[in-house]
Structures are given as C-alpha cells and as structure tokens.
Amino acid sequence: MLRNSFPDFFRATNVVKLFLMYIDQIKPERSITKLGNRHVILIHGDADTTVPVSEFYHLRQAGGANIVDSWVLPDVTHAAAFQKQKTEYLERVVKFFRQELN
C-alpha cells in the first residue's frame, strides 16, 4: 500500500508535534511590521472563540499605517463575517481591492 511507503516522519502524531513546536514562532504582529508599503484590511468577529478579538487589536496596533481598514463585527464568530454582514463585507473588501490594485 502507498500508505505504508511514507517515512515515519509523516505519521500524524509527528506532524502535530512538529506543528506544536513551531506554533509559538508564528507572530502575525511581528510579520505585519515587515510589509513595507503594502496595505491590509482586518475583519474580525468579537464572538470569535478560535482567535480572540484581542489578537485583532494587537495586530491592528502593530500594523500601524499598513492597516487601511479594520472592522470588528458584534456577535460574530470565527470566519462568519461574510455570512452575517454580506453587503457591508463586500463593500469594504471591494473598496480595499479597488484602492490597492489601482
């Protein structure tokens, strides 16, 4: 079987261990300071339990002038902004791309 031909490294437990070893090194607030003149739009739900809204505020502060729009939606969970506020979501995202791609 093909499954048995993979090295032991690719066993699920090893991949998870590797991910957990490096998760502490993932620092979006550090990376956002290295964007040069590229701009970012941040959208976040304040009911997100996967990524706390406090992370949004840390990222927005770290981003400084790179953040050209930011929006926190009340009572919205992780990745549900589009579902809850389709019209405003599309208006903001389309506006962002029109400005940035011109």
PDB file of N, CA and C in Angstrom:
ATOM      1  N   MET A   1       0.827  -1.198   0.000  1.00  0.00           N
ATOM      2  CA  MET A   1       0.000   0.000   0.000  1.00  0.00           C
ATOM      3  C   MET A   1       0.864   1.251   0.000  1.00  0.00           C
ATOM      4  N   LEU A   2       0.372   2.266  -0.658  1.00  0.00           N
ATOM      5  CA  LEU A   2       1.078   3.538  -0.697  1.00  0.00           C
ATOM      6  C   LEU A   2       1.223   4.125   0.701  1.00  0.00           C
ATOM      7  N   ARG A   3       0.216   3.947   1.513  1.00  0.00           N
ATOM      8  CA  ARG A   3       0.220   4.498   2.864  1.00  0.00           C
ATOM      9  C   ARG A   3       1.423   4.005   3.673  1.00  0.00           C
ATOM     10  N   ASN A   4       1.796   2.777   3.512  1.00  0.00           N
ATOM     11  CA  ASN A   4       2.921   2.217   4.264  1.00  0.00           C
ATOM     12  C   ASN A   4       4.272   2.621   3.706  1.00  0.00           C
ATOM     13  N   SER A   5       4.277   3.277   2.542  1.00  0.00           N
ATOM     14  CA  SER A   5       5.553   3.641   1.942  1.00  0.00           C
ATOM     15  C   SER A   5       6.070   5.000   2.406  1.00  0.00           C
ATOM     16  N   PHE A   6       5.262   5.745   3.152  1.00  0.00           N
ATOM     17  CA  PHE A   6       5.714   7.041   3.652  1.00  0.00           C
ATOM     18  C   PHE A   6       6.663   6.844   4.826  1.00  0.00           C
ATOM     19  N   PRO A   7       7.682   7.700   4.943  1.00  0.00           N
ATOM     20  CA  PRO A   7       8.576   7.630   6.109  1.00  0.00           C
ATOM     21  C   PRO A   7       7.797   7.881   7.393  1.00  0.00           C
ATOM     22  N   ASP A   8       8.308   7.400   8.510  1.00  0.00           N
ATOM     23  CA  ASP A   8       7.654   7.572   9.807  1.00  0.00           C
ATOM     24  C   ASP A   8       7.388   9.035  10.146  1.00  0.00           C
ATOM     25  N   PHE A   9       8.225   9.925   9.623  1.00  0.00           N
ATOM     26  CA  PHE A   9       8.068  11.350   9.907  1.00  0.00           C
ATOM     27  C   PHE A   9       6.655  11.836   9.579  1.00  0.00           C
ATOM     28  N   PHE A  10       6.044  11.283   8.541  1.00  0.00           N
ATOM     29  CA  PHE A  10       4.742  11.762   8.091  1.00  0.00           C
ATOM     30  C   PHE A  10       3.563  11.168   8.848  1.00  0.00           C
ATOM     31  N   ARG A  11       3.822  10.371   9.862  1.00  0.00           N
ATOM     32  CA  ARG A  11       2.720   9.899  10.698  1.00  0.00           C
ATOM     33  C   ARG A  11       2.064  11.101  11.358  1.00  0.00           C
ATOM     34  N   ALA A  12       0.769  11.062  11.520  1.00  0.00           N
ATOM     35  CA  ALA A  12       0.011  12.215  12.025  1.00  0.00           C
ATOM     36  C   ALA A  12       0.556  12.743  13.345  1.00  0.00           C
ATOM     37  N   THR A  13       0.928  11.873  14.237  1.00  0.00           N
ATOM     38  CA  THR A  13       1.408  12.346  15.541  1.00  0.00           C
ATOM     39  C   THR A  13       2.693  13.147  15.399  1.00  0.00           C
ATOM     40  N   ASN A  14       3.547  12.767  14.484  1.00  0.00           N
ATOM     41  CA  ASN A  14       4.794  13.502  14.280  1.00  0.00           C
ATOM     42  C   ASN A  14       4.539  14.865  13.648  1.00  0.00           C
ATOM     43  N   VAL A  15       3.603  14.936  12.721  1.00  0.00           N
ATOM     44  CA  VAL A  15       3.287  16.216  12.092  1.00  0.00           C
ATOM     45  C   VAL A  15       2.687  17.169  13.120  1.00  0.00           C
ATOM     46  N   VAL A  16       1.813  16.673  13.966  1.00  0.00           N
ATOM     47  CA  VAL A  16       1.221  17.504  15.018  1.00  0.00           C
ATOM     48  C   VAL A  16       2.296  17.985  15.981  1.00  0.00           C
ATOM     49  N   LYS A  17       3.204  17.115  16.378  1.00  0.00           N
ATOM     50  CA  LYS A  17       4.294  17.516  17.273  1.00  0.00           C
ATOM     51  C   LYS A  17       5.138  18.615  16.638  1.00  0.00           C
ATOM     52  N   LEU A  18       5.445  18.482  15.350  1.00  0.00           N
ATOM     53  CA  LEU A  18       6.241  19.487  14.649  1.00  0.00           C
ATOM     54  C   LEU A  18       5.503  20.824  14.619  1.00  0.00           C
ATOM     55  N   PHE A  19       4.215  20.778  14.322  1.00  0.00           N
ATOM     56  CA  PHE A  19       3.402  21.998  14.310  1.00  0.00           C
ATOM     57  C   PHE A  19       3.425  22.674  15.674  1.00  0.00           C
ATOM     58  N   LEU A  20       3.226  21.900  16.726  1.00  0.00           N
ATOM     59  CA  LEU A  20       3.198  22.465  18.073  1.00  0.00           C
ATOM     60  C   LEU A  20       4.550  23.041  18.482  1.00  0.00           C
ATOM     61  N   MET A  21       5.623  22.485  17.955  1.00  0.00           N
ATOM     62  CA  MET A  21       6.960  23.024  18.263  1.00  0.00           C
ATOM     63  C   MET A  21       7.129  24.424  17.695  1.00  0.00           C
ATOM     64  N   TYR A  22       6.511  24.697  16.554  1.00  0.00           N
ATOM     65  CA  TYR A  22       6.722  25.973  15.871  1.00  0.00           C
ATOM     66  C   TYR A  22       5.573  26.970  16.031  1.00  0.00           C
ATOM     67  N   ILE A  23       4.471  26.574  16.633  1.00  0.00           N
ATOM     68  CA  ILE A  23       3.325  27.462  16.765  1.00  0.00           C
ATOM     69  C   ILE A  23       3.684  28.732  17.526  1.00  0.00           C
ATOM     70  N   ASP A  24       4.559  28.636  18.508  1.00  0.00           N
ATOM     71  CA  ASP A  24       4.957  29.817  19.266  1.00  0.00           C
ATOM     72  C   ASP A  24       5.783  30.793  18.446  1.00  0.00           C
ATOM     73  N   GLN A  25       6.317  30.340  17.319  1.00  0.00           N
ATOM     74  CA  GLN A  25       7.126  31.215  16.476  1.00  0.00           C
ATOM     75  C   GLN A  25       6.287  31.984  15.460  1.00  0.00           C
ATOM     76  N   ILE A  26       5.006  31.659  15.364  1.00  0.00           N
ATOM     77  CA  ILE A  26       4.123  32.351  14.436  1.00  0.00           C
ATOM     78  C   ILE A  26       3.644  33.620  15.123  1.00  0.00           C
ATOM     79  N   LYS A  27       4.119  34.731  14.659  1.00  0.00           N
ATOM     80  CA  LYS A  27       3.811  36.014  15.282  1.00  0.00           C
ATOM     81  C   LYS A  27       3.320  36.999  14.226  1.00  0.00           C
ATOM     82  N   PRO A  28       2.008  37.003  13.942  1.00  0.00           N
ATOM     83  CA  PRO A  28       1.494  37.926  12.932  1.00  0.00           C
ATOM     84  C   PRO A  28       1.824  39.388  13.227  1.00  0.00           C
ATOM     85  N   GLU A  29       1.825  39.765  14.522  1.00  0.00           N
ATOM     86  CA  GLU A  29       2.114  41.166  14.840  1.00  0.00           C
ATOM     87  C   GLU A  29       3.557  41.546  14.515  1.00  0.00           C
ATOM     88  N   ARG A  30       4.438  40.567  14.434  1.00  0.00           N
ATOM     89  CA  ARG A  30       5.815  40.834  14.006  1.00  0.00           C
ATOM     90  C   ARG A  30       5.881  40.867  12.480  1.00  0.00           C
ATOM     91  N   SER A  31       5.200  39.951  11.841  1.00  0.00           N
ATOM     92  CA  SER A  31       5.222  39.867  10.380  1.00  0.00           C
ATOM     93  C   SER A  31       4.594  41.091   9.726  1.00  0.00           C
ATOM     94  N   ILE A  32       3.546  41.630  10.341  1.00  0.00           N
ATOM     95  CA  ILE A  32       2.848  42.759   9.731  1.00  0.00           C
ATOM     96  C   ILE A  32       3.732  44.006   9.684  1.00  0.00           C
ATOM     97  N   THR A  33       4.727  44.074  10.540  1.00  0.00           N
ATOM     98  CA  THR A  33       5.636  45.224  10.524  1.00  0.00           C
ATOM     99  C   THR A  33       6.636  45.141   9.381  1.00  0.00           C
ATOM    100  N   LYS A  34       6.667  44.027   8.687  1.00  0.00           N
ATOM    101  CA  LYS A  34       7.633  43.825   7.596  1.00  0.00           C
ATOM    102  C   LYS A  34       6.978  43.886   6.223  1.00  0.00           C
ATOM    103  N   LEU A  35       5.823  44.522   6.128  1.00  0.00           N
ATOM    104  CA  LEU A  35       5.087  44.568   4.869  1.00  0.00           C
ATOM    105  C   LEU A  35       5.537  45.675   3.926  1.00  0.00           C
ATOM    106  N   GLY A  36       6.411  46.535   4.393  1.00  0.00           N
ATOM    107  CA  GLY A  36       6.817  47.655   3.543  1.00  0.00           C
ATOM    108  C   GLY A  36       5.631  48.586   3.328  1.00  0.00           C
ATOM    109  N   ASN A  37       5.347  48.889   2.063  1.00  0.00           N
ATOM    110  CA  ASN A  37       4.235  49.808   1.782  1.00  0.00           C
ATOM    111  C   ASN A  37       2.940  49.076   1.416  1.00  0.00           C
ATOM    112  N   ARG A  38       2.870  47.781   1.693  1.00  0.00           N
ATOM    113  CA  ARG A  38       1.647  47.023   1.416  1.00  0.00           C
ATOM    114  C   ARG A  38       0.602  47.286   2.498  1.00  0.00           C
ATOM    115  N   HIS A  39      -0.640  47.327   2.072  1.00  0.00           N
ATOM    116  CA  HIS A  39      -1.726  47.621   2.993  1.00  0.00           C
ATOM    117  C   HIS A  39      -2.551  46.380   3.306  1.00  0.00           C
ATOM    118  N   VAL A  40      -3.289  46.469   4.423  1.00  0.00           N
ATOM    119  CA  VAL A  40      -4.054  45.339   4.930  1.00  0.00           C
ATOM    120  C   VAL A  40      -5.433  45.826   5.373  1.00  0.00           C
ATOM    121  N   ILE A  41      -6.428  44.965   5.182  1.00  0.00           N
ATOM    122  CA  ILE A  41      -7.745  45.174   5.772  1.00  0.00           C
ATOM    123  C   ILE A  41      -7.932  44.062   6.809  1.00  0.00           C
ATOM    124  N   LEU A  42      -8.377  44.435   7.999  1.00  0.00           N
ATOM    125  CA  LEU A  42      -8.620  43.458   9.059  1.00  0.00           C
ATOM    126  C   LEU A  42     -10.111  43.388   9.343  1.00  0.00           C
ATOM    127  N   ILE A  43     -10.645  42.175   9.374  1.00  0.00           N
ATOM    128  CA  ILE A  43     -12.056  41.950   9.682  1.00  0.00           C
ATOM    129  C   ILE A  43     -12.109  40.835  10.723  1.00  0.00           C
ATOM    130  N   HIS A  44     -12.868  41.092  11.803  1.00  0.00           N
ATOM    131  CA  HIS A  44     -12.888  40.114  12.893  1.00  0.00           C
ATOM    132  C   HIS A  44     -14.226  40.162  13.623  1.00  0.00           C
ATOM    133  N   GLY A  45     -14.662  39.021  14.101  1.00  0.00           N
ATOM    134  CA  GLY A  45     -15.877  38.962  14.901  1.00  0.00           C
ATOM    135  C   GLY A  45     -15.550  38.991  16.384  1.00  0.00           C
ATOM    136  N   ASP A  46     -16.306  39.754  17.143  1.00  0.00           N
ATOM    137  CA  ASP A  46     -15.986  39.861  18.575  1.00  0.00           C
ATOM    138  C   ASP A  46     -16.432  38.637  19.377  1.00  0.00           C
ATOM    139  N   ALA A  47     -17.157  37.710  18.751  1.00  0.00           N
ATOM    140  CA  ALA A  47     -17.558  36.468  19.428  1.00  0.00           C
ATOM    141  C   ALA A  47     -16.702  35.287  18.975  1.00  0.00           C
ATOM    142  N   ASP A  48     -15.600  35.583  18.344  1.00  0.00           N
ATOM    143  CA  ASP A  48     -14.683  34.543  17.855  1.00  0.00           C
ATOM    144  C   ASP A  48     -13.999  33.874  19.042  1.00  0.00           C
ATOM    145  N   THR A  49     -14.173  32.573  19.173  1.00  0.00           N
ATOM    146  CA  THR A  49     -13.502  31.836  20.247  1.00  0.00           C
ATOM    147  C   THR A  49     -12.278  31.083  19.729  1.00  0.00           C
ATOM    148  N   THR A  50     -12.068  31.087  18.415  1.00  0.00           N
ATOM    149  CA  THR A  50     -10.881  30.453  17.830  1.00  0.00           C
ATOM    150  C   THR A  50      -9.696  31.404  17.901  1.00  0.00           C
ATOM    151  N   VAL A  51      -9.900  32.635  17.477  1.00  0.00           N
ATOM    152  CA  VAL A  51      -8.888  33.692  17.564  1.00  0.00           C
ATOM    153  C   VAL A  51      -9.538  34.831  18.347  1.00  0.00           C
ATOM    154  N   PRO A  52      -9.114  35.048  19.575  1.00  0.00           N
ATOM    155  CA  PRO A  52      -9.740  36.091  20.396  1.00  0.00           C
ATOM    156  C   PRO A  52      -9.653  37.471  19.745  1.00  0.00           C
ATOM    157  N   VAL A  53     -10.665  38.278  19.968  1.00  0.00           N
ATOM    158  CA  VAL A  53     -10.693  39.616  19.383  1.00  0.00           C
ATOM    159  C   VAL A  53      -9.508  40.459  19.862  1.00  0.00           C
ATOM    160  N   SER A  54      -8.946  40.121  21.008  1.00  0.00           N
ATOM    161  CA  SER A  54      -7.757  40.849  21.488  1.00  0.00           C
ATOM    162  C   SER A  54      -6.608  40.732  20.488  1.00  0.00           C
ATOM    163  N   GLU A  55      -6.533  39.620  19.781  1.00  0.00           N
ATOM    164  CA  GLU A  55      -5.484  39.445  18.758  1.00  0.00           C
ATOM    165  C   GLU A  55      -5.686  40.420  17.607  1.00  0.00           C
ATOM    166  N   PHE A  56      -6.923  40.678  17.265  1.00  0.00           N
ATOM    167  CA  PHE A  56      -7.243  41.678  16.240  1.00  0.00           C
ATOM    168  C   PHE A  56      -6.658  43.034  16.637  1.00  0.00           C
ATOM    169  N   TYR A  57      -6.890  43.429  17.899  1.00  0.00           N
ATOM    170  CA  TYR A  57      -6.414  44.730  18.365  1.00  0.00           C
ATOM    171  C   TYR A  57      -4.886  44.783  18.421  1.00  0.00           C
ATOM    172  N   HIS A  58      -4.252  43.701  18.813  1.00  0.00           N
ATOM    173  CA  HIS A  58      -2.784  43.652  18.810  1.00  0.00           C
ATOM    174  C   HIS A  58      -2.254  43.813  17.385  1.00  0.00           C
ATOM    175  N   LEU A  59      -2.880  43.119  16.452  1.00  0.00           N
ATOM    176  CA  LEU A  59      -2.440  43.173  15.061  1.00  0.00           C
ATOM    177  C   LEU A  59      -2.684  44.550  14.466  1.00  0.00           C
ATOM    178  N   ARG A  60      -3.823  45.134  14.782  1.00  0.00           N
ATOM    179  CA  ARG A  60      -4.128  46.477  14.259  1.00  0.00           C
ATOM    180  C   ARG A  60      -3.130  47.501  14.782  1.00  0.00           C
ATOM    181  N   GLN A  61      -2.784  47.392  16.046  1.00  0.00           N
ATOM    182  CA  GLN A  61      -1.809  48.323  16.616  1.00  0.00           C
ATOM    183  C   GLN A  61      -0.432  48.113  15.991  1.00  0.00           C
ATOM    184  N   ALA A  62      -0.028  46.875  15.852  1.00  0.00           N
ATOM    185  CA  ALA A  62       1.290  46.575  15.278  1.00  0.00           C
ATOM    186  C   ALA A  62       1.377  46.990  13.821  1.00  0.00           C
ATOM    187  N   GLY A  63       0.250  46.934  13.108  1.00  0.00           N
ATOM    188  CA  GLY A  63       0.239  47.238  11.682  1.00  0.00           C
ATOM    189  C   GLY A  63       0.380  48.703  11.352  1.00  0.00           C
ATOM    190  N   GLY A  64       0.008  49.559  12.278  1.00  0.00           N
ATOM    191  CA  GLY A  64       0.144  50.997  12.065  1.00  0.00           C
ATOM    192  C   GLY A  64      -0.481  51.456  10.758  1.00  0.00           C
ATOM    193  N   ALA A  65       0.297  52.173   9.951  1.00  0.00           N
ATOM    194  CA  ALA A  65      -0.191  52.749   8.698  1.00  0.00           C
ATOM    195  C   ALA A  65      -0.505  51.691   7.642  1.00  0.00           C
ATOM    196  N   ASN A  66      -0.042  50.459   7.836  1.00  0.00           N
ATOM    197  CA  ASN A  66      -0.347  49.396   6.881  1.00  0.00           C
ATOM    198  C   ASN A  66      -1.823  49.001   6.936  1.00  0.00           C
ATOM    199  N   ILE A  67      -2.481  49.271   8.052  1.00  0.00           N
ATOM    200  CA  ILE A  67      -3.888  48.917   8.203  1.00  0.00           C
ATOM    201  C   ILE A  67      -4.720  50.069   7.643  1.00  0.00           C
ATOM    202  N   VAL A  68      -5.339  49.846   6.486  1.00  0.00           N
ATOM    203  CA  VAL A  68      -6.129  50.913   5.864  1.00  0.00           C
ATOM    204  C   VAL A  68      -7.613  50.800   6.193  1.00  0.00           C
ATOM    205  N   ASP A  69      -8.030  49.661   6.702  1.00  0.00           N
ATOM    206  CA  ASP A  69      -9.406  49.496   7.160  1.00  0.00           C
ATOM    207  C   ASP A  69      -9.429  48.369   8.179  1.00  0.00           C
ATOM    208  N   SER A  70     -10.242  48.541   9.202  1.00  0.00           N
ATOM    209  CA  SER A  70     -10.410  47.479  10.198  1.00  0.00           C
ATOM    210  C   SER A  70     -11.845  47.515  10.675  1.00  0.00           C
ATOM    211  N   TRP A  71     -12.355  46.326  10.961  1.00  0.00           N
ATOM    212  CA  TRP A  71     -13.769  46.213  11.278  1.00  0.00           C
ATOM    213  C   TRP A  71     -13.977  45.053  12.240  1.00  0.00           C
ATOM    214  N   VAL A  72     -14.564  45.330  13.387  1.00  0.00           N
ATOM    215  CA  VAL A  72     -14.953  44.290  14.344  1.00  0.00           C
ATOM    216  C   VAL A  72     -16.468  44.193  14.309  1.00  0.00           C
ATOM    217  N   LEU A  73     -16.961  42.995  14.047  1.00  0.00           N
ATOM    218  CA  LEU A  73     -18.399  42.774  13.963  1.00  0.00           C
ATOM    219  C   LEU A  73     -18.926  42.226  15.281  1.00  0.00           C
ATOM    220  N   PRO A  74     -19.944  42.848  15.849  1.00  0.00           N
ATOM    221  CA  PRO A  74     -20.503  42.367  17.111  1.00  0.00           C
ATOM    222  C   PRO A  74     -21.247  41.041  16.928  1.00  0.00           C
ATOM    223  N   ASP A  75     -21.084  40.173  17.895  1.00  0.00           N
ATOM    224  CA  ASP A  75     -21.784  38.878  17.934  1.00  0.00           C
ATOM    225  C   ASP A  75     -21.495  37.983  16.722  1.00  0.00           C
ATOM    226  N   VAL A  76     -20.303  38.093  16.174  1.00  0.00           N
ATOM    227  CA  VAL A  76     -19.917  37.275  15.021  1.00  0.00           C
ATOM    228  C   VAL A  76     -18.778  36.348  15.429  1.00  0.00           C
ATOM    229  N   THR A  77     -18.920  35.085  15.064  1.00  0.00           N
ATOM    230  CA  THR A  77     -17.924  34.075  15.411  1.00  0.00           C
ATOM    231  C   THR A  77     -16.858  33.971  14.316  1.00  0.00           C
ATOM    232  N   HIS A  78     -15.954  33.017  14.491  1.00  0.00           N
ATOM    233  CA  HIS A  78     -14.809  32.827  13.599  1.00  0.00           C
ATOM    234  C   HIS A  78     -15.260  32.579  12.152  1.00  0.00           C
ATOM    235  N   ALA A  79     -14.726  33.358  11.246  1.00  0.00           N
ATOM    236  CA  ALA A  79     -14.952  33.216   9.798  1.00  0.00           C
ATOM    237  C   ALA A  79     -16.422  33.341   9.404  1.00  0.00           C
ATOM    238  N   ALA A  80     -17.211  34.082  10.166  1.00  0.00           N
ATOM    239  CA  ALA A  80     -18.632  34.226   9.857  1.00  0.00           C
ATOM    240  C   ALA A  80     -19.017  35.646   9.448  1.00  0.00           C
ATOM    241  N   ALA A  81     -18.049  36.514   9.260  1.00  0.00           N
ATOM    242  CA  ALA A  81     -18.352  37.913   8.928  1.00  0.00           C
ATOM    243  C   ALA A  81     -19.135  38.023   7.626  1.00  0.00           C
ATOM    244  N   PHE A  82     -18.727  37.298   6.620  1.00  0.00           N
ATOM    245  CA  PHE A  82     -19.418  37.373   5.331  1.00  0.00           C
ATOM    246  C   PHE A  82     -20.857  36.888   5.460  1.00  0.00           C
ATOM    247  N   GLN A  83     -21.071  35.819   6.180  1.00  0.00           N
ATOM    248  CA  GLN A  83     -22.421  35.272   6.352  1.00  0.00           C
ATOM    249  C   GLN A  83     -23.345  36.248   7.080  1.00  0.00           C
ATOM    250  N   LYS A  84     -22.787  36.959   8.047  1.00  0.00           N
ATOM    251  CA  LYS A  84     -23.615  37.830   8.890  1.00  0.00           C
ATOM    252  C   LYS A  84     -23.847  39.217   8.287  1.00  0.00           C
ATOM    253  N   GLN A  85     -22.869  39.720   7.543  1.00  0.00           N
ATOM    254  CA  GLN A  85     -22.941  41.093   7.010  1.00  0.00           C
ATOM    255  C   GLN A  85     -22.483  41.129   5.557  1.00  0.00           C
ATOM    256  N   LYS A  86     -23.143  40.372   4.688  1.00  0.00           N
ATOM    257  CA  LYS A  86     -22.699  40.223   3.293  1.00  0.00           C
ATOM    258  C   LYS A  86     -22.514  41.544   2.567  1.00  0.00           C
ATOM    259  N   THR A  87     -23.485  42.418   2.655  1.00  0.00           N
ATOM    260  CA  THR A  87     -23.419  43.667   1.893  1.00  0.00           C
ATOM    261  C   THR A  87     -22.243  44.529   2.324  1.00  0.00           C
ATOM    262  N   GLU A  88     -22.137  44.794   3.631  1.00  0.00           N
ATOM    263  CA  GLU A  88     -21.040  45.646   4.100  1.00  0.00           C
ATOM    264  C   GLU A  88     -19.689  44.963   3.902  1.00  0.00           C
ATOM    265  N   TYR A  89     -19.641  43.657   4.105  1.00  0.00           N
ATOM    266  CA  TYR A  89     -18.405  42.901   3.894  1.00  0.00           C
ATOM    267  C   TYR A  89     -17.915  43.094   2.455  1.00  0.00           C
ATOM    268  N   LEU A  90     -18.810  42.873   1.500  1.00  0.00           N
ATOM    269  CA  LEU A  90     -18.432  43.022   0.088  1.00  0.00           C
ATOM    270  C   LEU A  90     -18.043  44.454  -0.236  1.00  0.00           C
ATOM    271  N   GLU A  91     -18.779  45.427   0.299  1.00  0.00           N
ATOM    272  CA  GLU A  91     -18.442  46.832   0.046  1.00  0.00           C
ATOM    273  C   GLU A  91     -17.032  47.153   0.531  1.00  0.00           C
ATOM    274  N   ARG A  92     -16.705  46.717   1.730  1.00  0.00           N
ATOM    275  CA  ARG A  92     -15.382  47.011   2.301  1.00  0.00           C
ATOM    276  C   ARG A  92     -14.257  46.295   1.543  1.00  0.00           C
ATOM    277  N   VAL A  93     -14.462  45.036   1.247  1.00  0.00           N
ATOM    278  CA  VAL A  93     -13.413  44.264   0.575  1.00  0.00           C
ATOM    279  C   VAL A  93     -13.213  44.753  -0.864  1.00  0.00           C
ATOM    280  N   VAL A  94     -14.297  45.004  -1.564  1.00  0.00           N
ATOM    281  CA  VAL A  94     -14.182  45.515  -2.942  1.00  0.00           C
ATOM    282  C   VAL A  94     -13.508  46.882  -2.941  1.00  0.00           C
ATOM    283  N   LYS A  95     -13.900  47.761  -2.022  1.00  0.00           N
ATOM    284  CA  LYS A  95     -13.266  49.083  -1.917  1.00  0.00           C
ATOM    285  C   LYS A  95     -11.771  48.938  -1.661  1.00  0.00           C
ATOM    286  N   PHE A  96     -11.403  48.045  -0.742  1.00  0.00           N
ATOM    287  CA  PHE A  96      -9.994  47.822  -0.436  1.00  0.00           C
ATOM    288  C   PHE A  96      -9.218  47.399  -1.690  1.00  0.00           C
ATOM    289  N   PHE A  97      -9.729  46.417  -2.403  1.00  0.00           N
ATOM    290  CA  PHE A  97      -9.004  45.934  -3.587  1.00  0.00           C
ATOM    291  C   PHE A  97      -8.980  46.976  -4.700  1.00  0.00           C
ATOM    292  N   ARG A  98     -10.042  47.729  -4.858  1.00  0.00           N
ATOM    293  CA  ARG A  98     -10.039  48.795  -5.886  1.00  0.00           C
ATOM    294  C   ARG A  98      -8.964  49.824  -5.571  1.00  0.00           C
ATOM    295  N   GLN A  99      -8.849  50.211  -4.315  1.00  0.00           N
ATOM    296  CA  GLN A  99      -7.842  51.186  -3.937  1.00  0.00           C
ATOM    297  C   GLN A  99      -6.435  50.628  -4.099  1.00  0.00           C
ATOM    298  N   GLU A 100      -6.242  49.398  -3.700  1.00  0.00           N
ATOM    299  CA  GLU A 100      -4.905  48.822  -3.679  1.00  0.00           C
ATOM    300  C   GLU A 100      -4.422  48.350  -5.041  1.00  0.00           C
ATOM    301  N   LEU A 101      -5.327  48.018  -5.917  1.00  0.00           N
ATOM    302  CA  LEU A 101      -4.925  47.488  -7.230  1.00  0.00           C
ATOM    303  C   LEU A 101      -4.898  48.543  -8.319  1.00  0.00           C
ATOM    304  N   ASN A 102      -5.255  49.765  -7.994  1.00  0.00           N
ATOM    305  CA  ASN A 102      -5.183  50.854  -8.993  1.00  0.00           C
ATOM    306  C   ASN A 102      -3.792  51.390  -9.112  1.00  0.00           C
TER     307      ASN A 102
END
